[in-house]
Amino acid sequence: MINKVEIANINTSKLPKLNASENKELFIRMKNGDETARDELINGNLRLVLSVIQRFGGRGENPDDLFQVGVVGLIKAIDNFDINLDVQMSTYCVPMIIGEIRRYLRDNNIVRVSRSIRDLAYKVLQTKEKLTKENGKEPTVDEIAKELGVEREEIVVSLDAIQDPVSLQEPVYNDGADSIYIMDQVKDKKNTDENWAENITISEAIKHLSDKEKMIIDKRFFKGRTQMEVAEEIGISQAQVSRIEKNALSHMKRLYK
């Protein structure tokens, strides 16, 4: 269903596509009070929403709902975009669309998080965005805690609480025949030959990583740090930690095959 032509009563095969100069011209008109220009910008960039919701397939979510939520994110991005920034509009809009969809999925998750913890998590995300804009760099956990007047531990707990839950039946490795599931990893298998052999394989795979990748994998998966904590410890952004971690895991998966 995620690939159907009509979503939310919109024929996606007929969606217009604007180039960079057309977007810029419409933004200038919109900033000068032209409401029709705003509508044209939204309609001309709906393909961004369509491309983003492809990433959320397989969750059993209604694609119409995801598309409508994504459009809300697109509208927020358009209303807040600064044409003076040296950045492509799509580069700015896509994270906003993804964020809006993730918030929707978290709020509608079967695992209920208390309202106070969820509200704190959203305040943390808003404060992080605000401080990033003001200072030109991502704030540390301590800086966010100081800004909000809460303990750093509360921030970490709140952010962890709104992460998407993972099924114990989700496969983490597949060699084409047998799969290893998350529930296999949480069982007590410390003294088995299988666990010993698996640890050797993982150790060998880690040896092929760069020093920075090794450090991040160690902190994330062996020391239990969050991405934000790792970013603070080694002095890079959370986005960079996420990218390096993803590349490292992809490299290790290739070595497994």
Protein backbone atom coordinates (compact mmCIF):
# COMPACT_ATOMS: atom_id res chain seq x y z
CA MET A 1 0.00 0.00 0.00
CA ILE A 2 2.90 2.36 0.62
CA ASN A 3 3.53 2.40 -3.14
CA LYS A 4 -0.04 3.04 -4.26
CA VAL A 5 -0.58 5.86 -6.74
CA GLU A 6 -3.34 7.65 -4.81
CA ILE A 7 -2.57 8.68 -1.25
CA ALA A 8 -4.87 10.87 0.87
CA ASN A 9 -6.99 11.52 -2.25
CA ILE A 10 -3.94 12.87 -4.12
CA ASN A 11 -2.77 11.29 -7.37
CA THR A 12 0.96 11.05 -6.66
CA SER A 13 1.79 10.30 -10.29
CA LYS A 14 0.70 13.83 -11.18
CA LEU A 15 2.51 15.71 -8.42
CA PRO A 16 4.46 18.71 -9.75
CA LYS A 17 8.19 19.05 -9.16
CA LEU A 18 9.89 22.41 -8.59
CA ASN A 19 13.55 23.14 -9.25
CA ALA A 20 15.76 25.24 -6.95
CA SER A 21 15.18 28.53 -8.77
CA GLU A 22 11.41 28.02 -8.82
CA ASN A 23 11.43 27.28 -5.09
CA LYS A 24 13.45 30.41 -4.39
CA GLU A 25 11.16 32.60 -6.45
CA LEU A 26 8.09 31.24 -4.67
CA PHE A 27 9.73 31.74 -1.26
CA ILE A 28 10.40 35.38 -2.06
CA ARG A 29 6.78 35.84 -3.11
CA MET A 30 5.56 34.06 0.02
CA LYS A 31 7.71 36.23 2.30
CA ASN A 32 6.14 39.24 0.61
CA GLY A 33 2.70 38.02 1.64
CA ASP A 34 1.60 36.04 -1.42
CA GLU A 35 -0.54 33.20 -0.04
CA THR A 36 -0.86 31.54 -3.44
CA ALA A 37 2.94 31.22 -3.55
CA ARG A 38 2.83 29.32 -0.24
CA ASP A 39 0.26 26.89 -1.62
CA GLU A 40 2.36 26.38 -4.75
CA LEU A 41 5.43 25.66 -2.61
CA ILE A 42 3.55 23.05 -0.60
CA ASN A 43 2.05 21.33 -3.65
CA GLY A 44 5.33 21.54 -5.55
CA ASN A 45 7.23 19.74 -2.79
CA LEU A 46 4.80 16.96 -1.88
CA ARG A 47 7.15 14.53 -3.62
CA LEU A 48 9.51 15.04 -0.65
CA VAL A 49 6.80 13.73 1.68
CA LEU A 50 6.17 10.80 -0.64
CA SER A 51 9.86 9.86 -0.67
CA VAL A 52 10.10 10.08 3.13
CA ILE A 53 7.13 7.83 3.91
CA GLN A 54 8.76 5.06 1.86
CA ARG A 55 11.22 4.73 4.77
CA PHE A 56 8.41 3.86 7.15
CA GLY A 57 6.98 0.96 5.19
CA GLY A 58 6.49 -2.40 6.88
CA ARG A 59 5.19 -0.94 10.15
CA GLY A 60 1.55 -1.60 9.39
CA GLU A 61 0.77 2.12 9.37
CA ASN A 62 -1.81 3.61 7.04
CA PRO A 63 0.12 5.40 4.26
CA ASP A 64 -2.64 8.03 4.01
CA ASP A 65 -2.09 8.93 7.67
CA LEU A 66 1.69 9.02 7.27
CA PHE A 67 1.40 11.21 4.18
CA GLN A 68 -0.89 13.71 5.92
CA VAL A 69 1.41 13.88 8.95
CA GLY A 70 4.38 14.32 6.63
CA VAL A 71 2.62 17.23 4.91
CA VAL A 72 2.31 18.92 8.32
CA GLY A 73 6.09 18.60 8.68
CA LEU A 74 6.58 20.01 5.17
CA ILE A 75 4.37 23.02 5.93
CA LYS A 76 6.29 23.71 9.16
CA ALA A 77 9.57 23.51 7.26
CA ILE A 78 8.35 25.87 4.52
CA ASP A 79 7.06 28.38 7.07
CA ASN A 80 10.40 28.38 8.91
CA PHE A 81 12.85 28.10 6.02
CA ASP A 82 15.32 30.96 5.55
CA ILE A 83 16.22 31.49 1.89
CA ASN A 84 19.38 33.30 3.00
CA LEU A 85 20.80 30.03 4.34
CA ASP A 86 23.31 28.31 2.11
CA VAL A 87 21.32 25.07 2.06
CA GLN A 88 18.98 23.32 -0.35
CA MET A 89 15.34 23.45 0.67
CA SER A 90 15.04 19.66 0.51
CA THR A 91 18.00 19.35 2.90
CA TYR A 92 16.08 21.44 5.41
CA CYS A 93 12.60 19.99 4.80
CA VAL A 94 13.32 16.25 4.87
CA PRO A 95 14.48 16.11 8.55
CA MET A 96 11.41 18.16 9.54
CA ILE A 97 9.11 15.74 7.72
CA ILE A 98 10.85 12.72 9.27
CA GLY A 99 10.63 14.31 12.73
CA GLU A 100 6.90 14.95 12.39
CA ILE A 101 6.25 11.35 11.32
CA ARG A 102 8.38 9.97 14.15
CA ARG A 103 6.49 12.10 16.69
CA TYR A 104 3.24 10.76 15.31
CA LEU A 105 4.46 7.15 15.56
CA ARG A 106 5.70 7.68 19.11
CA ASP A 107 2.44 9.27 20.25
CA ASN A 108 0.47 6.38 18.74
CA ASN A 109 2.80 3.67 20.00
CA ILE A 110 1.35 0.68 21.83
CA VAL A 111 4.04 1.16 24.50
CA ARG A 112 2.72 4.08 26.53
CA VAL A 113 5.16 6.60 27.90
CA SER A 114 3.95 8.93 30.67
CA ARG A 115 2.83 12.37 29.48
CA SER A 116 5.39 14.15 31.67
CA ILE A 117 8.33 12.16 30.27
CA ARG A 118 7.13 12.59 26.68
CA ASP A 119 6.58 16.33 27.18
CA LEU A 120 10.08 16.68 28.62
CA ALA A 121 11.55 14.80 25.66
CA TYR A 122 9.87 17.17 23.20
CA LYS A 123 11.07 20.18 25.20
CA VAL A 124 14.59 18.73 25.02
CA LEU A 125 14.34 18.38 21.23
CA GLN A 126 12.99 21.92 20.87
CA THR A 127 15.69 23.31 23.16
CA LYS A 128 18.37 21.40 21.26
CA GLU A 129 17.16 22.93 17.98
CA LYS A 130 16.98 26.41 19.54
CA LEU A 131 20.50 26.27 21.03
CA THR A 132 21.90 24.83 17.80
CA LYS A 133 20.55 27.80 15.86
CA GLU A 134 21.81 30.30 18.45
CA ASN A 135 25.30 28.86 18.86
CA GLY A 136 25.94 27.28 15.48
CA LYS A 137 26.64 23.87 17.05
CA GLU A 138 24.75 21.12 18.83
CA PRO A 139 24.46 21.65 22.61
CA THR A 140 25.70 19.13 25.15
CA VAL A 141 23.36 17.31 27.52
CA ASP A 142 24.56 19.55 30.36
CA GLU A 143 23.80 22.70 28.35
CA ILE A 144 20.29 21.47 27.61
CA ALA A 145 19.80 20.51 31.26
CA LYS A 146 20.91 23.97 32.38
CA GLU A 147 18.60 25.66 29.88
CA LEU A 148 15.60 23.62 31.05
CA GLY A 149 16.55 23.56 34.73
CA VAL A 150 16.44 19.75 35.05
CA GLU A 151 18.94 17.00 35.83
CA ARG A 152 20.92 15.56 32.90
CA GLU A 153 19.72 12.05 33.85
CA GLU A 154 16.11 13.13 33.31
CA ILE A 155 17.00 14.25 29.79
CA VAL A 156 18.65 10.95 28.90
CA VAL A 157 15.74 8.94 30.32
CA SER A 158 13.14 11.03 28.48
CA LEU A 159 14.91 10.69 25.11
CA ASP A 160 15.36 6.95 25.55
CA ALA A 161 11.67 6.61 26.47
CA ILE A 162 10.43 7.98 23.15
CA GLN A 163 12.64 5.76 21.00
CA ASP A 164 10.76 3.32 18.81
CA PRO A 165 10.40 -0.09 20.54
CA VAL A 166 12.00 -3.10 18.88
CA SER A 167 10.32 -6.50 18.65
CA LEU A 168 12.14 -9.43 20.26
CA GLN A 169 11.35 -11.32 17.06
CA GLU A 170 13.24 -8.80 14.89
CA PRO A 171 16.18 -10.44 13.07
CA VAL A 172 19.58 -8.83 13.59
CA TYR A 173 21.49 -11.15 11.25
CA ASN A 174 20.53 -13.48 8.41
CA ASP A 175 22.86 -15.62 6.33
CA GLY A 176 20.16 -16.73 3.91
CA ALA A 177 19.16 -19.77 5.95
CA ASP A 178 19.16 -19.19 9.70
CA SER A 179 18.42 -15.89 11.43
CA ILE A 180 19.60 -14.48 14.75
CA TYR A 181 16.85 -12.63 16.59
CA ILE A 182 17.04 -10.02 19.35
CA MET A 183 15.51 -12.50 21.82
CA ASP A 184 18.46 -14.81 21.13
CA GLN A 185 20.81 -12.07 22.29
CA VAL A 186 19.02 -11.42 25.57
CA LYS A 187 19.05 -15.07 26.65
CA ASP A 188 21.66 -16.26 29.10
CA LYS A 189 24.13 -17.96 26.77
CA LYS A 190 27.37 -16.80 28.34
CA ASN A 191 28.88 -20.23 28.65
CA THR A 192 27.85 -21.80 25.36
CA ASP A 193 30.11 -22.60 22.43
CA GLU A 194 27.78 -20.67 20.14
CA ASN A 195 28.22 -17.48 22.14
CA TRP A 196 32.00 -17.95 22.27
CA ALA A 197 32.16 -18.37 18.48
CA GLU A 198 29.87 -15.40 17.86
CA ASN A 199 31.98 -13.17 20.10
CA ILE A 200 35.10 -14.13 18.14
CA THR A 201 33.35 -13.29 14.86
CA ILE A 202 32.23 -9.89 16.17
CA SER A 203 35.70 -9.19 17.55
CA GLU A 204 37.25 -10.02 14.19
CA ALA A 205 34.76 -7.76 12.39
CA ILE A 206 35.50 -4.85 14.77
CA LYS A 207 39.21 -5.14 13.97
CA HIS A 208 38.45 -3.97 10.42
CA LEU A 209 36.86 -0.70 11.61
CA SER A 210 38.61 2.67 11.87
CA ASP A 211 39.70 3.89 15.31
CA LYS A 212 36.76 6.31 15.53
CA GLU A 213 34.29 3.60 14.49
CA LYS A 214 35.73 1.19 17.07
CA MET A 215 35.43 3.83 19.79
CA ILE A 216 31.80 4.64 18.95
CA ILE A 217 30.76 0.97 18.67
CA ASP A 218 32.44 0.29 22.03
CA LYS A 219 30.71 3.19 23.78
CA ARG A 220 27.30 2.51 22.20
CA PHE A 221 27.02 -1.28 22.40
CA PHE A 222 29.47 -2.36 25.10
CA LYS A 223 29.21 0.58 27.51
CA GLY A 224 25.56 1.43 26.91
CA ARG A 225 25.97 5.10 26.03
CA THR A 226 23.28 7.00 24.10
CA GLN A 227 24.25 8.74 20.85
CA MET A 228 23.93 12.11 22.56
CA GLU A 229 26.25 11.02 25.40
CA VAL A 230 28.83 9.71 22.91
CA ALA A 231 28.64 12.95 20.94
CA GLU A 232 29.30 14.95 24.09
CA GLU A 233 32.19 12.73 25.17
CA ILE A 234 34.13 12.85 21.90
CA GLY A 235 33.17 16.36 20.80
CA ILE A 236 31.17 15.78 17.61
CA SER A 237 27.48 16.14 16.74
CA GLN A 238 24.86 13.47 17.43
CA ALA A 239 24.20 13.32 13.68
CA GLN A 240 27.87 12.49 13.06
CA VAL A 241 27.78 9.77 15.73
CA SER A 242 24.69 8.29 14.08
CA ARG A 243 26.30 8.34 10.62
CA ILE A 244 29.59 6.77 11.79
CA GLU A 245 27.71 4.12 13.78
CA LYS A 246 25.56 3.24 10.77
CA ASN A 247 28.61 2.96 8.48
CA ALA A 248 30.44 0.79 11.00
CA LEU A 249 27.50 -1.60 11.40
CA SER A 250 27.08 -1.83 7.61
CA HIS A 251 30.79 -2.67 7.30
CA MET A 252 30.49 -5.37 9.94
CA LYS A 253 27.43 -6.85 8.24
CA ARG A 254 29.32 -7.10 4.96
CA LEU A 255 32.11 -8.98 6.73
CA TYR A 256 29.56 -11.41 8.17
CA LYS A 257 28.33 -12.40 4.69
